[in-house]
Amino acid sequence: MEVSILGVGKMGGAIYNNLSVNAKYKLALIDPNIDKIYKSFGKSTNSNPPLVYKNLSRYIDDLSQKKTILVLAIKPKQLFPLYKEIMALKTLSLTNSIIVSIVAGISVSTLRTIFKTDNIVRAMPNTPATVGQGMTGLYFPKKISGKNKKEVLTLFNLLGRTLVVNSEKKLHSVTALSGSGPAYFFNFCEALLSTSKELGLSKKEAFILVEQTFIGACALFTESKIPVNILRKNVTSPGGTTETALNTLEKCNFSTGVFKAILNARDRSMEIGTELNSEIKQNTQK
């Protein structure tokens, strides 16, 4: 299967790294800085070297109507320049391609306007895909065939777990919860680590304690099958240290803060989408 990745940043690079060790995929990378980026991947040890392109024009010329999954892994702000690049192309034929967009907020209808094809899928992976532990939300419009759906699912299952949602609107919620989610965990880790000096611990000691605590807690959460509220209660003895800590967090509106943070992230995803979708559609009418 041919897989092309347009935009080789953190997520595009994570997808490439996972697929490059799988002989079933023939890969192509498209990025203005591809020479520098590809060197960082250590191509000398790569058993499945990709084709590399600095722009979409050269890639399209070389595509020759091959069937491919084209993963759109750019940032939202890069979509409009890409749209202008595509408009400048004399020919654009991606009828044999499945366009898989991981661009937050950009609708299927806008992507159809840009790429002139109905074969559009939206995906929202997160950065743990780098180590094969990602969470990807996927939305398949009705026009996507069963075969194409299976091929996309197979690809993203290599990055971790997948969840297919039945509404494109739900991808805003996926973005807020799992797409941005790793940052919430890392921020909490940072907060825990910041207490090392006051606790009389070295940074190394605090790191070991926090790291293994998170590993252990995640293992309990995923492997014990015990509801998360029971897991919390199992650690919380009445009048003990854990209860004191949790009460302090609640006095600081911890749960309310998390709730508002997730909703604000979802709303921002919707705003980004509305702004860019509107900008592109306005320019198509000129």
Protein backbone atom coordinates (compact mmCIF):
# COMPACT_ATOMS: atom_id res chain seq x y z
CA MET A 1 0.00 0.00 0.00
CA GLU A 2 1.27 3.46 -0.90
CA VAL A 3 1.15 5.99 1.95
CA SER A 4 2.19 9.60 1.48
CA ILE A 5 2.59 12.06 4.34
CA LEU A 6 2.20 15.76 3.60
CA GLY A 7 3.85 17.65 6.45
CA VAL A 8 6.51 15.82 8.42
CA GLY A 9 6.33 17.52 11.81
CA LYS A 10 5.73 15.75 15.13
CA MET A 11 2.61 13.84 14.06
CA GLY A 12 3.69 13.28 10.47
CA GLY A 13 7.05 12.06 11.74
CA ALA A 14 5.38 9.77 14.29
CA ILE A 15 3.25 8.19 11.57
CA TYR A 16 6.28 7.75 9.33
CA ASN A 17 8.39 6.18 12.08
CA ASN A 18 5.71 3.59 12.82
CA LEU A 19 5.06 2.72 9.18
CA SER A 20 8.69 2.67 8.07
CA VAL A 21 9.32 -0.63 9.87
CA ASN A 22 6.36 -2.27 8.09
CA ALA A 23 7.33 -3.71 4.71
CA LYS A 24 3.74 -3.62 3.39
CA TYR A 25 3.83 0.18 3.06
CA LYS A 26 5.62 2.13 0.33
CA LEU A 27 6.15 5.60 1.75
CA ALA A 28 6.50 9.13 0.44
CA LEU A 29 7.23 12.28 2.45
CA ILE A 30 6.32 15.79 1.31
CA ASP A 31 7.71 18.79 3.16
CA PRO A 32 9.67 21.95 2.19
CA ASN A 33 12.33 21.00 4.77
CA ILE A 34 12.36 17.31 3.95
CA ASP A 35 16.14 17.05 3.43
CA LYS A 36 16.86 18.24 6.97
CA ILE A 37 13.95 16.33 8.48
CA TYR A 38 14.78 13.02 6.81
CA LYS A 39 18.37 13.13 8.03
CA SER A 40 17.04 13.23 11.60
CA PHE A 41 15.25 9.92 11.00
CA GLY A 42 18.52 8.07 10.45
CA LYS A 43 17.87 6.86 6.92
CA SER A 44 21.04 4.74 6.85
CA THR A 45 19.34 2.18 9.10
CA ASN A 46 15.92 2.44 7.46
CA SER A 47 14.92 -0.78 5.71
CA ASN A 48 12.00 0.91 3.94
CA PRO A 49 13.31 4.24 2.57
CA PRO A 50 10.64 6.68 1.33
CA LEU A 51 10.42 8.85 -1.72
CA VAL A 52 10.91 12.48 -0.70
CA TYR A 53 9.45 15.66 -2.17
CA LYS A 54 9.85 19.32 -1.28
CA ASN A 55 6.45 20.37 -2.60
CA LEU A 56 3.09 19.00 -3.65
CA SER A 57 3.62 19.88 -7.32
CA ARG A 58 6.55 17.49 -7.75
CA TYR A 59 4.70 14.82 -5.84
CA ILE A 60 1.60 15.12 -8.05
CA ASP A 61 3.77 14.90 -11.19
CA ASP A 62 5.28 11.66 -9.90
CA LEU A 63 2.07 10.11 -8.61
CA SER A 64 1.04 8.65 -11.99
CA GLN A 65 -2.49 7.74 -10.84
CA LYS A 66 -1.25 5.28 -8.22
CA LYS A 67 -3.69 4.49 -5.42
CA THR A 68 -2.37 6.03 -2.21
CA ILE A 69 -3.39 7.15 1.25
CA LEU A 70 -2.35 10.80 1.47
CA VAL A 71 -2.09 11.85 5.11
CA LEU A 72 -2.52 15.59 5.51
CA ALA A 73 -0.38 16.26 8.60
CA ILE A 74 0.05 20.02 8.50
CA LYS A 75 -0.98 22.66 11.05
CA PRO A 76 -4.30 24.49 10.51
CA LYS A 77 -2.52 27.75 9.67
CA GLN A 78 -0.65 25.97 6.84
CA LEU A 79 -3.84 24.86 5.10
CA PHE A 80 -4.58 28.12 3.29
CA PRO A 81 -1.07 28.37 1.77
CA LEU A 82 -1.50 24.74 0.68
CA TYR A 83 -4.84 25.64 -0.88
CA LYS A 84 -3.19 28.45 -2.86
CA GLU A 85 -0.44 26.05 -3.97
CA ILE A 86 -3.07 23.59 -5.21
CA MET A 87 -4.96 26.35 -7.03
CA ALA A 88 -1.75 27.22 -8.87
CA LEU A 89 -1.36 23.65 -10.14
CA LYS A 90 -2.53 23.18 -13.71
CA THR A 91 -3.63 19.63 -13.03
CA LEU A 92 -4.65 17.97 -9.82
CA SER A 93 -5.94 14.43 -9.98
CA LEU A 94 -6.28 12.59 -6.70
CA THR A 95 -9.23 10.41 -7.70
CA ASN A 96 -7.30 7.27 -6.73
CA SER A 97 -6.18 8.72 -3.40
CA ILE A 98 -7.72 8.58 0.06
CA ILE A 99 -7.11 11.95 1.71
CA VAL A 100 -6.78 11.48 5.49
CA SER A 101 -6.72 14.85 7.22
CA ILE A 102 -5.38 15.18 10.76
CA VAL A 103 -5.77 18.97 10.59
CA ALA A 104 -7.83 20.06 13.59
CA GLY A 105 -11.16 21.68 12.83
CA ILE A 106 -11.12 21.57 9.03
CA SER A 107 -14.34 20.08 7.71
CA VAL A 108 -14.83 17.34 5.15
CA SER A 109 -16.73 19.77 2.89
CA THR A 110 -13.79 22.22 2.90
CA LEU A 111 -11.32 19.43 2.18
CA ARG A 112 -13.48 18.29 -0.73
CA THR A 113 -13.36 21.84 -2.09
CA ILE A 114 -9.56 21.85 -1.90
CA PHE A 115 -8.76 18.38 -3.20
CA LYS A 116 -11.67 17.90 -5.63
CA THR A 117 -12.46 14.38 -4.39
CA ASP A 118 -15.04 12.69 -2.18
CA ASN A 119 -12.45 10.30 -0.72
CA ILE A 120 -11.90 12.35 2.43
CA VAL A 121 -11.40 10.92 5.92
CA ARG A 122 -10.74 12.90 9.08
CA ALA A 123 -8.50 11.63 11.87
CA MET A 124 -7.31 13.05 15.18
CA PRO A 125 -4.30 11.14 16.57
CA ASN A 126 -2.21 12.25 19.55
CA THR A 127 1.52 12.36 20.21
CA PRO A 128 1.81 9.00 22.07
CA ALA A 129 1.52 7.58 18.55
CA THR A 130 5.27 8.28 18.50
CA VAL A 131 5.76 5.22 20.72
CA GLY A 132 2.89 3.19 19.31
CA GLN A 133 0.51 4.11 22.14
CA GLY A 134 -1.56 6.74 20.37
CA MET A 135 -5.30 7.35 20.49
CA THR A 136 -6.86 8.26 17.14
CA GLY A 137 -10.42 9.41 16.60
CA LEU A 138 -11.67 8.75 13.06
CA TYR A 139 -14.66 9.99 11.07
CA PHE A 140 -15.64 8.25 7.83
CA PRO A 141 -18.21 10.02 5.62
CA LYS A 142 -20.81 7.78 4.00
CA LYS A 143 -19.10 8.00 0.59
CA ILE A 144 -16.02 6.13 1.86
CA SER A 145 -16.05 2.51 0.71
CA GLY A 146 -15.68 -0.39 3.12
CA LYS A 147 -12.32 -1.31 1.58
CA ASN A 148 -10.92 2.20 1.96
CA LYS A 149 -12.21 2.38 5.53
CA LYS A 150 -10.45 -0.89 6.38
CA GLU A 151 -7.16 0.34 4.90
CA VAL A 152 -7.25 3.57 6.93
CA LEU A 153 -8.16 1.73 10.14
CA THR A 154 -5.32 -0.74 9.61
CA LEU A 155 -2.88 2.14 9.23
CA PHE A 156 -3.92 3.99 12.37
CA ASN A 157 -4.19 0.82 14.46
CA LEU A 158 -0.41 0.56 14.02
CA LEU A 159 -0.14 3.80 16.01
CA GLY A 160 -2.18 2.57 19.01
CA ARG A 161 -5.96 2.45 19.47
CA THR A 162 -8.69 3.90 17.26
CA LEU A 163 -12.22 5.13 17.89
CA VAL A 164 -14.62 5.66 14.99
CA VAL A 165 -17.17 8.40 15.69
CA ASN A 166 -20.49 8.65 13.86
CA SER A 167 -20.55 12.45 13.64
CA GLU A 168 -17.93 14.83 12.29
CA LYS A 169 -18.86 17.29 15.03
CA LYS A 170 -17.60 14.81 17.65
CA LEU A 171 -14.04 15.26 16.35
CA HIS A 172 -13.94 18.63 18.15
CA SER A 173 -14.52 16.71 21.39
CA VAL A 174 -11.93 14.09 20.44
CA THR A 175 -9.46 16.90 19.84
CA ALA A 176 -10.15 18.41 23.26
CA LEU A 177 -10.04 15.14 25.19
CA SER A 178 -7.37 12.95 23.58
CA GLY A 179 -5.74 15.15 20.93
CA SER A 180 -4.72 17.76 23.50
CA GLY A 181 -4.97 15.27 26.38
CA PRO A 182 -1.29 14.30 26.69
CA ALA A 183 -0.45 17.93 27.48
CA TYR A 184 -2.81 17.86 30.46
CA PHE A 185 -1.01 14.83 31.88
CA PHE A 186 2.40 16.36 31.23
CA ASN A 187 1.29 19.60 32.88
CA PHE A 188 0.21 17.65 35.97
CA CYS A 189 3.58 15.87 35.98
CA GLU A 190 5.32 19.24 35.81
CA ALA A 191 3.28 20.42 38.81
CA LEU A 192 4.24 17.31 40.81
CA LEU A 193 7.91 17.64 39.89
CA SER A 194 7.95 21.31 40.89
CA THR A 195 7.47 20.30 44.56
CA SER A 196 10.79 18.42 44.77
CA LYS A 197 12.74 21.19 46.51
CA GLU A 198 10.05 21.84 49.15
CA LEU A 199 9.81 18.08 49.78
CA GLY A 200 13.55 17.80 50.27
CA LEU A 201 14.00 15.55 47.24
CA SER A 202 16.48 15.82 44.39
CA LYS A 203 15.09 16.34 40.88
CA LYS A 204 16.21 12.82 39.99
CA GLU A 205 14.46 11.31 42.99
CA ALA A 206 11.24 13.22 42.27
CA PHE A 207 11.35 12.19 38.61
CA ILE A 208 11.64 8.48 39.49
CA LEU A 209 8.73 8.74 41.93
CA VAL A 210 6.46 10.63 39.51
CA GLU A 211 7.37 8.54 36.47
CA GLN A 212 6.67 5.18 38.08
CA THR A 213 3.55 6.47 39.82
CA PHE A 214 2.09 7.46 36.46
CA ILE A 215 3.14 4.18 34.85
CA GLY A 216 1.58 2.21 37.71
CA ALA A 217 -1.60 4.27 37.84
CA CYS A 218 -2.09 3.93 34.07
CA ALA A 219 -1.54 0.17 34.31
CA LEU A 220 -4.17 -0.10 37.06
CA PHE A 221 -6.57 2.05 35.08
CA THR A 222 -6.24 -0.04 31.91
CA GLU A 223 -5.68 -3.55 33.29
CA SER A 224 -7.73 -3.86 36.48
CA LYS A 225 -11.10 -3.09 34.83
CA ILE A 226 -12.12 -1.42 38.10
CA PRO A 227 -14.14 1.82 37.68
CA VAL A 228 -11.91 4.85 38.02
CA ASN A 229 -13.86 6.30 40.96
CA ILE A 230 -13.31 3.05 42.88
CA LEU A 231 -9.61 3.12 42.04
CA ARG A 232 -9.47 6.62 43.52
CA LYS A 233 -11.37 5.54 46.64
CA ASN A 234 -9.02 2.57 47.10
CA VAL A 235 -6.15 5.01 47.59
CA THR A 236 -8.10 7.41 49.79
CA SER A 237 -8.29 6.50 53.48
CA PRO A 238 -10.62 8.67 55.61
CA GLY A 239 -8.59 11.35 57.36
CA GLY A 240 -5.40 10.29 55.60
CA THR A 241 -2.83 12.05 53.44
CA THR A 242 -4.56 11.33 50.12
CA GLU A 243 -7.90 12.68 51.32
CA THR A 244 -6.17 15.83 52.53
CA ALA A 245 -4.49 16.31 49.14
CA LEU A 246 -7.69 15.69 47.18
CA ASN A 247 -9.68 18.06 49.39
CA THR A 248 -7.05 20.71 48.74
CA LEU A 249 -7.34 20.20 44.98
CA GLU A 250 -11.10 20.58 45.19
CA LYS A 251 -10.76 23.80 47.21
CA CYS A 252 -8.69 25.01 44.23
CA ASN A 253 -11.54 24.00 41.93
CA PHE A 254 -9.51 21.23 40.32
CA SER A 255 -12.43 19.30 38.79
CA THR A 256 -14.18 22.47 37.66
CA GLY A 257 -10.95 23.73 36.11
CA VAL A 258 -10.45 20.49 34.17
CA PHE A 259 -14.07 20.55 33.01
CA LYS A 260 -13.80 24.14 31.77
CA ALA A 261 -10.43 23.46 30.15
CA ILE A 262 -11.81 20.59 28.05
CA LEU A 263 -14.86 22.57 26.94
CA ASN A 264 -12.71 25.59 26.05
CA ALA A 265 -10.38 23.35 24.01
CA ARG A 266 -13.38 21.91 22.17
CA ASP A 267 -14.78 25.39 21.50
CA ARG A 268 -11.38 26.57 20.22
CA SER A 269 -11.28 23.63 17.81
CA MET A 270 -14.68 24.73 16.52
CA GLU A 271 -13.50 28.35 16.19
CA ILE A 272 -10.36 27.38 14.27
CA GLY A 273 -12.44 25.28 11.92
CA THR A 274 -15.03 28.02 11.35
CA GLU A 275 -12.34 30.62 10.61
CA LEU A 276 -10.37 28.50 8.14
CA ASN A 277 -13.36 26.86 6.50
CA SER A 278 -14.87 30.30 5.90
CA GLU A 279 -11.60 31.76 4.58
CA ILE A 280 -11.12 28.99 2.04
CA LYS A 281 -14.75 28.93 0.88
CA GLN A 282 -14.74 32.72 0.42
CA ASN A 283 -11.69 32.46 -1.82
CA THR A 284 -13.23 29.69 -3.92
CA GLN A 285 -16.05 32.07 -4.80
CA LYS A 286 -13.75 34.77 -6.17
